[in-house]
Amino acid sequence: MFGTNWQPIFIKRRRLLLIAGLCCTILLVASILVAALWNNPANPLYQAKAEAGQGYWHTNGAQILDAYNRPVRIAGINWFGLETPSYSPHGLGNRSYQSMLEQIKSLGYNTLRLPYSNQLFDQGSTPSGIDYTKNPDLQGLTGLQVMDKVIGYASKIGLRIILDQHRPDAGAQSALWYTSAYPESRWISDWQMLANHYKNNPMVIGADLHNEPHAPACWGCGDRSLDWRLAAERAGNAILAVNPNWLIFVEGVDCYGPGGTTNVSECYWWGG
């Protein structure tokens, strides 16, 4: 019925199908391996195509580098409010925090400096000045939870965050990093809390230890209660013990004389 040559023809066809199937399998495996290699962060080709600024940032001399040792430039803007008695970023009575952050991103900034006061984390420091029809997901939140929302959305759209201890209490700027109501121990413990709280978010890149320290704060005078150089070292080491991936930003003092004295005739700006 099939003739005398049907069996060899059938065997040849089966071999061809097996070979074709094997080739398809090899091509599929090869494409998966190539894709995995291409998208492997350890691959130099991936690093070349990835946008600069990936991963945690670090320093090398005078340069700030990304996780692949490529130079990055901080183009930052402040968003005040969390450090004030409203315990919320200013402007949320008129707009949503998402639209504010999107505008910041659209203007070419890549970093948000977010000031806070230590008083923000006290029980009873209730956020206010927020239009909850525009920001419904902020209703009923604590100051830290509002900070979480802002940082979460900023991270999502590609903005990095520097946290800034702007003042100990919400009332006014202080020359020193502590007050009688908010001692140095509280300053450091709040920094450690934040470092741990955001340690798994590479978009939160560091800590500005204290905004605009000025006289009687000194640099190198040796007085533990006034020497900002020593205090910054204590706080920086405590933060890095919790989160070694953060950058530590240390502002200068306004007056500097021999031995760190602030008793000099000419001074500069606070934090200079």
C-alpha atoms as a PDB file:
ATOM      1  CA  MET A   1       0.000   0.000   0.000  1.00  0.00           C
ATOM      2  CA  PHE A   2       2.785   2.481   0.927  1.00  0.00           C
ATOM      3  CA  GLY A   3       5.366   1.112  -1.446  1.00  0.00           C
ATOM      4  CA  THR A   4       8.769  -0.246  -0.549  1.00  0.00           C
ATOM      5  CA  ASN A   5      10.426   3.078   0.504  1.00  0.00           C
ATOM      6  CA  TRP A   6       7.892   4.437   3.026  1.00  0.00           C
ATOM      7  CA  GLN A   7       9.837   3.439   6.167  1.00  0.00           C
ATOM      8  CA  PRO A   8      13.138   5.219   5.309  1.00  0.00           C
ATOM      9  CA  ILE A   9      11.215   8.342   4.232  1.00  0.00           C
ATOM     10  CA  PHE A  10       9.277   8.340   7.514  1.00  0.00           C
ATOM     11  CA  ILE A  11      12.496   7.954   9.519  1.00  0.00           C
ATOM     12  CA  LYS A  12      14.170  10.812   7.620  1.00  0.00           C
ATOM     13  CA  ARG A  13      11.220  13.103   8.270  1.00  0.00           C
ATOM     14  CA  ARG A  14      11.254  12.235  11.955  1.00  0.00           C
ATOM     15  CA  ARG A  15      14.971  13.008  12.129  1.00  0.00           C
ATOM     16  CA  LEU A  16      14.406  16.351  10.431  1.00  0.00           C
ATOM     17  CA  LEU A  17      11.660  17.199  12.924  1.00  0.00           C
ATOM     18  CA  LEU A  18      13.912  16.245  15.836  1.00  0.00           C
ATOM     19  CA  ILE A  19      16.761  18.357  14.463  1.00  0.00           C
ATOM     20  CA  ALA A  20      14.419  21.316  13.897  1.00  0.00           C
ATOM     21  CA  GLY A  21      13.039  20.988  17.424  1.00  0.00           C
ATOM     22  CA  LEU A  22      16.538  20.806  18.864  1.00  0.00           C
ATOM     23  CA  CYS A  23      17.573  23.931  16.946  1.00  0.00           C
ATOM     24  CA  CYS A  24      14.524  25.823  18.228  1.00  0.00           C
ATOM     25  CA  THR A  25      15.328  24.757  21.788  1.00  0.00           C
ATOM     26  CA  ILE A  26      18.944  25.898  21.419  1.00  0.00           C
ATOM     27  CA  LEU A  27      17.835  29.258  20.004  1.00  0.00           C
ATOM     28  CA  LEU A  28      15.319  29.717  22.827  1.00  0.00           C
ATOM     29  CA  VAL A  29      17.881  28.915  25.527  1.00  0.00           C
ATOM     30  CA  ALA A  30      20.459  31.169  23.850  1.00  0.00           C
ATOM     31  CA  SER A  31      18.011  34.087  23.680  1.00  0.00           C
ATOM     32  CA  ILE A  32      17.161  33.650  27.369  1.00  0.00           C
ATOM     33  CA  LEU A  33      20.853  33.595  28.287  1.00  0.00           C
ATOM     34  CA  VAL A  34      21.592  36.683  26.178  1.00  0.00           C
ATOM     35  CA  ALA A  35      18.664  38.557  27.731  1.00  0.00           C
ATOM     36  CA  ALA A  36      19.777  37.577  31.226  1.00  0.00           C
ATOM     37  CA  LEU A  37      23.347  38.670  30.492  1.00  0.00           C
ATOM     38  CA  TRP A  38      22.213  41.944  28.935  1.00  0.00           C
ATOM     39  CA  ASN A  39      20.072  42.795  31.956  1.00  0.00           C
ATOM     40  CA  ASN A  40      22.656  41.732  34.537  1.00  0.00           C
ATOM     41  CA  PRO A  41      23.850  44.818  36.482  1.00  0.00           C
ATOM     42  CA  ALA A  42      27.331  43.260  36.672  1.00  0.00           C
ATOM     43  CA  ASN A  43      27.600  43.279  32.874  1.00  0.00           C
ATOM     44  CA  PRO A  44      29.539  46.298  31.506  1.00  0.00           C
ATOM     45  CA  LEU A  45      27.096  46.487  28.578  1.00  0.00           C
ATOM     46  CA  TYR A  46      24.203  46.861  31.016  1.00  0.00           C
ATOM     47  CA  GLN A  47      26.118  49.518  32.917  1.00  0.00           C
ATOM     48  CA  ALA A  48      26.785  51.411  29.696  1.00  0.00           C
ATOM     49  CA  LYS A  49      23.118  51.518  28.714  1.00  0.00           C
ATOM     50  CA  ALA A  50      21.760  52.175  32.227  1.00  0.00           C
ATOM     51  CA  GLU A  51      20.928  55.753  33.127  1.00  0.00           C
ATOM     52  CA  ALA A  52      23.585  57.487  35.228  1.00  0.00           C
ATOM     53  CA  GLY A  53      22.731  57.644  38.909  1.00  0.00           C
ATOM     54  CA  GLN A  54      21.713  54.017  39.406  1.00  0.00           C
ATOM     55  CA  GLY A  55      21.840  52.425  42.855  1.00  0.00           C
ATOM     56  CA  TYR A  56      23.347  53.852  46.015  1.00  0.00           C
ATOM     57  CA  TRP A  57      25.656  56.833  45.652  1.00  0.00           C
ATOM     58  CA  HIS A  58      29.094  57.204  47.206  1.00  0.00           C
ATOM     59  CA  THR A  59      32.043  59.566  47.104  1.00  0.00           C
ATOM     60  CA  ASN A  60      35.553  59.328  45.731  1.00  0.00           C
ATOM     61  CA  GLY A  61      37.594  62.402  46.538  1.00  0.00           C
ATOM     62  CA  ALA A  62      35.606  65.419  45.376  1.00  0.00           C
ATOM     63  CA  GLN A  63      33.251  63.374  43.188  1.00  0.00           C
ATOM     64  CA  ILE A  64      29.881  61.785  43.901  1.00  0.00           C
ATOM     65  CA  LEU A  65      29.534  58.496  42.012  1.00  0.00           C
ATOM     66  CA  ASP A  66      26.686  56.073  41.364  1.00  0.00           C
ATOM     67  CA  ALA A  67      26.769  52.330  41.982  1.00  0.00           C
ATOM     68  CA  TYR A  68      28.757  51.846  38.737  1.00  0.00           C
ATOM     69  CA  ASN A  69      31.313  54.543  39.640  1.00  0.00           C
ATOM     70  CA  ARG A  70      29.930  57.045  37.150  1.00  0.00           C
ATOM     71  CA  PRO A  71      29.933  60.726  38.212  1.00  0.00           C
ATOM     72  CA  VAL A  72      26.553  62.151  39.160  1.00  0.00           C
ATOM     73  CA  ARG A  73      25.451  65.731  39.691  1.00  0.00           C
ATOM     74  CA  ILE A  74      22.966  66.737  42.355  1.00  0.00           C
ATOM     75  CA  ALA A  75      20.452  69.228  40.960  1.00  0.00           C
ATOM     76  CA  GLY A  76      18.381  69.761  44.068  1.00  0.00           C
ATOM     77  CA  ILE A  77      15.509  71.805  45.419  1.00  0.00           C
ATOM     78  CA  ASN A  78      14.122  72.249  48.949  1.00  0.00           C
ATOM     79  CA  TRP A  79      10.525  71.593  49.872  1.00  0.00           C
ATOM     80  CA  PHE A  80       9.918  73.214  53.229  1.00  0.00           C
ATOM     81  CA  GLY A  81       7.132  72.549  55.709  1.00  0.00           C
ATOM     82  CA  LEU A  82       7.753  69.348  57.654  1.00  0.00           C
ATOM     83  CA  GLU A  83      10.086  71.310  59.941  1.00  0.00           C
ATOM     84  CA  THR A  84       7.397  73.900  60.782  1.00  0.00           C
ATOM     85  CA  PRO A  85       4.393  73.781  63.163  1.00  0.00           C
ATOM     86  CA  SER A  86       2.223  72.572  60.252  1.00  0.00           C
ATOM     87  CA  TYR A  87       4.262  69.325  60.178  1.00  0.00           C
ATOM     88  CA  SER A  88       3.542  68.942  56.467  1.00  0.00           C
ATOM     89  CA  PRO A  89       5.106  70.178  53.220  1.00  0.00           C
ATOM     90  CA  HIS A  90       3.887  73.664  52.369  1.00  0.00           C
ATOM     91  CA  GLY A  91       1.476  74.061  49.476  1.00  0.00           C
ATOM     92  CA  LEU A  92      -0.658  70.999  50.103  1.00  0.00           C
ATOM     93  CA  GLY A  93      -3.583  73.260  50.928  1.00  0.00           C
ATOM     94  CA  ASN A  94      -3.653  74.188  47.240  1.00  0.00           C
ATOM     95  CA  ARG A  95      -2.285  71.210  45.322  1.00  0.00           C
ATOM     96  CA  SER A  96      -1.641  67.498  45.591  1.00  0.00           C
ATOM     97  CA  TYR A  97       1.811  66.359  46.614  1.00  0.00           C
ATOM     98  CA  GLN A  98       1.975  64.254  43.445  1.00  0.00           C
ATOM     99  CA  SER A  99       1.506  67.289  41.180  1.00  0.00           C
ATOM    100  CA  MET A 100       4.114  69.252  43.150  1.00  0.00           C
ATOM    101  CA  LEU A 101       6.672  66.466  42.774  1.00  0.00           C
ATOM    102  CA  GLU A 102       5.873  65.993  39.091  1.00  0.00           C
ATOM    103  CA  GLN A 103       6.475  69.707  38.499  1.00  0.00           C
ATOM    104  CA  ILE A 104       9.821  69.511  40.316  1.00  0.00           C
ATOM    105  CA  LYS A 105      10.816  66.570  38.120  1.00  0.00           C
ATOM    106  CA  SER A 106       9.648  68.329  34.939  1.00  0.00           C
ATOM    107  CA  LEU A 107      11.853  71.345  35.715  1.00  0.00           C
ATOM    108  CA  GLY A 108      14.974  69.188  35.536  1.00  0.00           C
ATOM    109  CA  TYR A 109      15.698  68.586  39.206  1.00  0.00           C
ATOM    110  CA  ASN A 110      16.897  65.134  40.228  1.00  0.00           C
ATOM    111  CA  THR A 111      17.004  65.547  44.017  1.00  0.00           C
ATOM    112  CA  LEU A 112      14.621  66.754  46.714  1.00  0.00           C
ATOM    113  CA  ARG A 113      15.983  68.109  50.002  1.00  0.00           C
ATOM    114  CA  LEU A 114      13.323  67.477  52.617  1.00  0.00           C
ATOM    115  CA  PRO A 115      13.716  69.428  55.884  1.00  0.00           C
ATOM    116  CA  TYR A 116      12.237  68.224  59.160  1.00  0.00           C
ATOM    117  CA  SER A 117      12.354  69.074  62.851  1.00  0.00           C
ATOM    118  CA  ASN A 118      12.838  66.528  65.610  1.00  0.00           C
ATOM    119  CA  GLN A 119       9.525  67.722  67.005  1.00  0.00           C
ATOM    120  CA  LEU A 120       7.850  66.254  63.903  1.00  0.00           C
ATOM    121  CA  PHE A 121       8.238  62.791  65.437  1.00  0.00           C
ATOM    122  CA  ASP A 122       6.658  63.688  68.790  1.00  0.00           C
ATOM    123  CA  GLN A 123       3.291  62.269  69.668  1.00  0.00           C
ATOM    124  CA  GLY A 124       0.792  65.066  69.181  1.00  0.00           C
ATOM    125  CA  SER A 125       2.644  66.741  66.287  1.00  0.00           C
ATOM    126  CA  THR A 126      -0.341  66.551  63.948  1.00  0.00           C
ATOM    127  CA  PRO A 127       0.014  67.575  60.285  1.00  0.00           C
ATOM    128  CA  SER A 128      -2.168  70.497  59.204  1.00  0.00           C
ATOM    129  CA  GLY A 129      -2.593  72.869  56.273  1.00  0.00           C
ATOM    130  CA  ILE A 130      -3.554  70.020  53.931  1.00  0.00           C
ATOM    131  CA  ASP A 131      -6.542  70.026  51.587  1.00  0.00           C
ATOM    132  CA  TYR A 132      -7.675  66.424  51.905  1.00  0.00           C
ATOM    133  CA  THR A 133      -9.889  66.646  48.837  1.00  0.00           C
ATOM    134  CA  LYS A 134      -6.664  67.085  46.857  1.00  0.00           C
ATOM    135  CA  ASN A 135      -4.608  64.771  49.094  1.00  0.00           C
ATOM    136  CA  PRO A 136      -7.078  62.158  50.359  1.00  0.00           C
ATOM    137  CA  ASP A 137      -4.379  59.574  51.096  1.00  0.00           C
ATOM    138  CA  LEU A 138      -2.733  61.909  53.645  1.00  0.00           C
ATOM    139  CA  GLN A 139      -5.758  62.173  55.915  1.00  0.00           C
ATOM    140  CA  GLY A 140      -5.181  60.856  59.421  1.00  0.00           C
ATOM    141  CA  LEU A 141      -1.447  60.297  58.933  1.00  0.00           C
ATOM    142  CA  THR A 142       1.381  61.218  61.280  1.00  0.00           C
ATOM    143  CA  GLY A 143       4.215  63.487  60.186  1.00  0.00           C
ATOM    144  CA  LEU A 144       6.475  60.514  59.481  1.00  0.00           C
ATOM    145  CA  GLN A 145       3.737  58.850  57.447  1.00  0.00           C
ATOM    146  CA  VAL A 146       3.285  62.029  55.392  1.00  0.00           C
ATOM    147  CA  MET A 147       7.047  61.998  54.831  1.00  0.00           C
ATOM    148  CA  ASP A 148       6.742  58.373  53.699  1.00  0.00           C
ATOM    149  CA  LYS A 149       4.103  59.313  51.122  1.00  0.00           C
ATOM    150  CA  VAL A 150       6.169  62.159  49.707  1.00  0.00           C
ATOM    151  CA  ILE A 151       9.339  60.071  49.576  1.00  0.00           C
ATOM    152  CA  GLY A 152       7.490  57.104  48.106  1.00  0.00           C
ATOM    153  CA  TYR A 153       6.105  59.088  45.182  1.00  0.00           C
ATOM    154  CA  ALA A 154       9.327  61.045  44.668  1.00  0.00           C
ATOM    155  CA  SER A 155      11.201  57.742  44.461  1.00  0.00           C
ATOM    156  CA  LYS A 156       8.659  56.345  42.018  1.00  0.00           C
ATOM    157  CA  ILE A 157       9.151  59.197  39.523  1.00  0.00           C
ATOM    158  CA  GLY A 158      12.945  59.225  39.820  1.00  0.00           C
ATOM    159  CA  LEU A 159      13.673  61.939  42.383  1.00  0.00           C
ATOM    160  CA  ARG A 160      16.310  61.225  44.989  1.00  0.00           C
ATOM    161  CA  ILE A 161      15.932  62.520  48.520  1.00  0.00           C
ATOM    162  CA  ILE A 162      18.281  64.157  51.010  1.00  0.00           C
ATOM    163  CA  LEU A 163      16.818  64.401  54.503  1.00  0.00           C
ATOM    164  CA  ASP A 164      17.697  67.571  56.411  1.00  0.00           C
ATOM    165  CA  GLN A 165      17.479  68.075  60.167  1.00  0.00           C
ATOM    166  CA  HIS A 166      16.532  71.699  59.815  1.00  0.00           C
ATOM    167  CA  ARG A 167      15.955  72.462  63.488  1.00  0.00           C
ATOM    168  CA  PRO A 168      15.335  70.620  66.757  1.00  0.00           C
ATOM    169  CA  ASP A 169      11.884  72.108  67.449  1.00  0.00           C
ATOM    170  CA  ALA A 170       9.357  73.456  64.974  1.00  0.00           C
ATOM    171  CA  GLY A 171       9.502  77.031  66.244  1.00  0.00           C
ATOM    172  CA  ALA A 172      12.662  78.562  64.802  1.00  0.00           C
ATOM    173  CA  GLN A 173      16.136  77.867  63.484  1.00  0.00           C
ATOM    174  CA  SER A 174      18.765  77.053  66.119  1.00  0.00           C
ATOM    175  CA  ALA A 175      22.489  77.736  66.069  1.00  0.00           C
ATOM    176  CA  LEU A 176      23.260  74.332  67.560  1.00  0.00           C
ATOM    177  CA  TRP A 177      22.075  70.873  66.596  1.00  0.00           C
ATOM    178  CA  TYR A 178      20.362  70.396  69.947  1.00  0.00           C
ATOM    179  CA  THR A 179      18.397  72.266  72.611  1.00  0.00           C
ATOM    180  CA  SER A 180      17.465  71.534  76.216  1.00  0.00           C
ATOM    181  CA  ALA A 181      14.164  70.055  74.998  1.00  0.00           C
ATOM    182  CA  TYR A 182      15.818  68.044  72.208  1.00  0.00           C
ATOM    183  CA  PRO A 183      19.287  66.967  73.389  1.00  0.00           C
ATOM    184  CA  GLU A 184      22.042  65.553  71.210  1.00  0.00           C
ATOM    185  CA  SER A 185      20.984  62.011  72.094  1.00  0.00           C
ATOM    186  CA  ARG A 186      17.573  62.663  70.531  1.00  0.00           C
ATOM    187  CA  TRP A 187      19.191  64.255  67.457  1.00  0.00           C
ATOM    188  CA  ILE A 188      21.278  61.119  66.891  1.00  0.00           C
ATOM    189  CA  SER A 189      18.532  58.608  67.703  1.00  0.00           C
ATOM    190  CA  ASP A 190      16.130  60.281  65.259  1.00  0.00           C
ATOM    191  CA  TRP A 191      18.794  60.132  62.565  1.00  0.00           C
ATOM    192  CA  GLN A 192      19.348  56.450  63.257  1.00  0.00           C
ATOM    193  CA  MET A 193      15.602  55.834  63.123  1.00  0.00           C
ATOM    194  CA  LEU A 194      15.370  57.492  59.701  1.00  0.00           C
ATOM    195  CA  ALA A 195      18.480  55.729  58.402  1.00  0.00           C
ATOM    196  CA  ASN A 196      16.947  52.389  59.327  1.00  0.00           C
ATOM    197  CA  HIS A 197      13.457  53.369  58.149  1.00  0.00           C
ATOM    198  CA  TYR A 198      14.655  54.157  54.615  1.00  0.00           C
ATOM    199  CA  LYS A 199      17.634  51.812  54.372  1.00  0.00           C
ATOM    200  CA  ASN A 200      16.022  49.666  51.653  1.00  0.00           C
ATOM    201  CA  ASN A 201      15.224  52.636  49.413  1.00  0.00           C
ATOM    202  CA  PRO A 202      18.260  53.618  47.295  1.00  0.00           C
ATOM    203  CA  MET A 203      16.470  56.821  46.247  1.00  0.00           C
ATOM    204  CA  VAL A 204      16.992  58.208  49.769  1.00  0.00           C
ATOM    205  CA  ILE A 205      20.659  59.052  49.400  1.00  0.00           C
ATOM    206  CA  GLY A 206      21.715  60.750  52.596  1.00  0.00           C
ATOM    207  CA  ALA A 207      21.546  62.977  55.643  1.00  0.00           C
ATOM    208  CA  ASP A 208      22.169  66.718  55.930  1.00  0.00           C
ATOM    209  CA  LEU A 209      23.020  66.565  59.620  1.00  0.00           C
ATOM    210  CA  HIS A 210      21.972  70.084  60.678  1.00  0.00           C
ATOM    211  CA  ASN A 211      20.934  73.138  58.732  1.00  0.00           C
ATOM    212  CA  GLU A 212      23.133  76.249  58.979  1.00  0.00           C
ATOM    213  CA  PRO A 213      25.087  75.727  62.206  1.00  0.00           C
ATOM    214  CA  HIS A 214      26.459  79.053  63.426  1.00  0.00           C
ATOM    215  CA  ALA A 215      28.039  80.749  66.435  1.00  0.00           C
ATOM    216  CA  PRO A 216      28.373  79.751  69.185  1.00  0.00           C
ATOM    217  CA  ALA A 217      28.891  76.543  67.170  1.00  0.00           C
ATOM    218  CA  CYS A 218      32.598  76.230  66.398  1.00  0.00           C
ATOM    219  CA  TRP A 219      34.802  74.061  64.182  1.00  0.00           C
ATOM    220  CA  GLY A 220      37.681  72.425  66.001  1.00  0.00           C
ATOM    221  CA  CYS A 221      37.519  74.327  69.301  1.00  0.00           C
ATOM    222  CA  GLY A 222      37.360  71.053  71.252  1.00  0.00           C
ATOM    223  CA  ASP A 223      34.335  71.968  73.376  1.00  0.00           C
ATOM    224  CA  ARG A 224      32.039  68.946  73.065  1.00  0.00           C
ATOM    225  CA  SER A 225      28.940  71.076  73.569  1.00  0.00           C
ATOM    226  CA  LEU A 226      29.878  73.514  70.782  1.00  0.00           C
ATOM    227  CA  ASP A 227      32.308  71.784  68.420  1.00  0.00           C
ATOM    228  CA  TRP A 228      30.285  71.033  65.308  1.00  0.00           C
ATOM    229  CA  ARG A 229      33.156  69.080  63.753  1.00  0.00           C
ATOM    230  CA  LEU A 230      33.099  66.562  66.608  1.00  0.00           C
ATOM    231  CA  ALA A 231      29.297  66.417  66.745  1.00  0.00           C
ATOM    232  CA  ALA A 232      29.041  65.758  63.004  1.00  0.00           C
ATOM    233  CA  GLU A 233      31.550  62.945  63.368  1.00  0.00           C
ATOM    234  CA  ARG A 234      29.539  61.375  66.192  1.00  0.00           C
ATOM    235  CA  ALA A 235      26.263  61.573  64.289  1.00  0.00           C
ATOM    236  CA  GLY A 236      27.768  60.477  60.976  1.00  0.00           C
ATOM    237  CA  ASN A 237      29.335  57.389  62.513  1.00  0.00           C
ATOM    238  CA  ALA A 238      26.073  56.510  64.279  1.00  0.00           C
ATOM    239  CA  ILE A 239      24.091  56.826  61.038  1.00  0.00           C
ATOM    240  CA  LEU A 240      26.548  54.803  58.967  1.00  0.00           C
ATOM    241  CA  ALA A 241      26.501  52.042  61.572  1.00  0.00           C
ATOM    242  CA  VAL A 242      22.799  51.639  60.723  1.00  0.00           C
ATOM    243  CA  ASN A 243      22.882  52.452  57.016  1.00  0.00           C
ATOM    244  CA  PRO A 244      26.366  52.405  55.437  1.00  0.00           C
ATOM    245  CA  ASN A 245      24.956  53.360  52.008  1.00  0.00           C
ATOM    246  CA  TRP A 246      24.043  56.932  52.912  1.00  0.00           C
ATOM    247  CA  LEU A 247      25.965  60.069  52.057  1.00  0.00           C
ATOM    248  CA  ILE A 248      26.624  62.345  55.044  1.00  0.00           C
ATOM    249  CA  PHE A 249      26.327  66.079  54.331  1.00  0.00           C
ATOM    250  CA  VAL A 250      28.089  68.377  56.809  1.00  0.00           C
ATOM    251  CA  GLU A 251      27.538  72.116  56.497  1.00  0.00           C
ATOM    252  CA  GLY A 252      30.193  74.511  57.751  1.00  0.00           C
ATOM    253  CA  VAL A 253      30.002  77.134  60.499  1.00  0.00           C
ATOM    254  CA  ASP A 254      29.892  80.880  59.948  1.00  0.00           C
ATOM    255  CA  CYS A 255      32.940  81.911  62.015  1.00  0.00           C
ATOM    256  CA  TYR A 256      36.337  80.281  62.181  1.00  0.00           C
ATOM    257  CA  GLY A 257      39.400  81.620  63.936  1.00  0.00           C
ATOM    258  CA  PRO A 258      42.619  80.180  65.401  1.00  0.00           C
ATOM    259  CA  GLY A 259      41.881  77.016  67.348  1.00  0.00           C
ATOM    260  CA  GLY A 260      38.297  77.072  66.145  1.00  0.00           C
ATOM    261  CA  THR A 261      37.378  80.221  68.033  1.00  0.00           C
ATOM    262  CA  THR A 262      34.291  82.128  66.926  1.00  0.00           C
ATOM    263  CA  ASN A 263      35.658  85.360  68.399  1.00  0.00           C
ATOM    264  CA  VAL A 264      36.739  86.819  65.061  1.00  0.00           C
ATOM    265  CA  SER A 265      35.892  90.102  63.382  1.00  0.00           C
ATOM    266  CA  GLU A 266      34.817  88.674  60.046  1.00  0.00           C
ATOM    267  CA  CYS A 267      32.351  85.823  59.556  1.00  0.00           C
ATOM    268  CA  TYR A 268      30.439  84.402  56.625  1.00  0.00           C
ATOM    269  CA  TRP A 269      26.942  83.045  56.131  1.00  0.00           C
ATOM    270  CA  TRP A 270      25.344  80.493  58.413  1.00  0.00           C
ATOM    271  CA  GLY A 271      26.281  77.027  57.270  1.00  0.00           C
ATOM    272  CA  GLY A 272      29.157  78.431  55.214  1.00  0.00           C
END
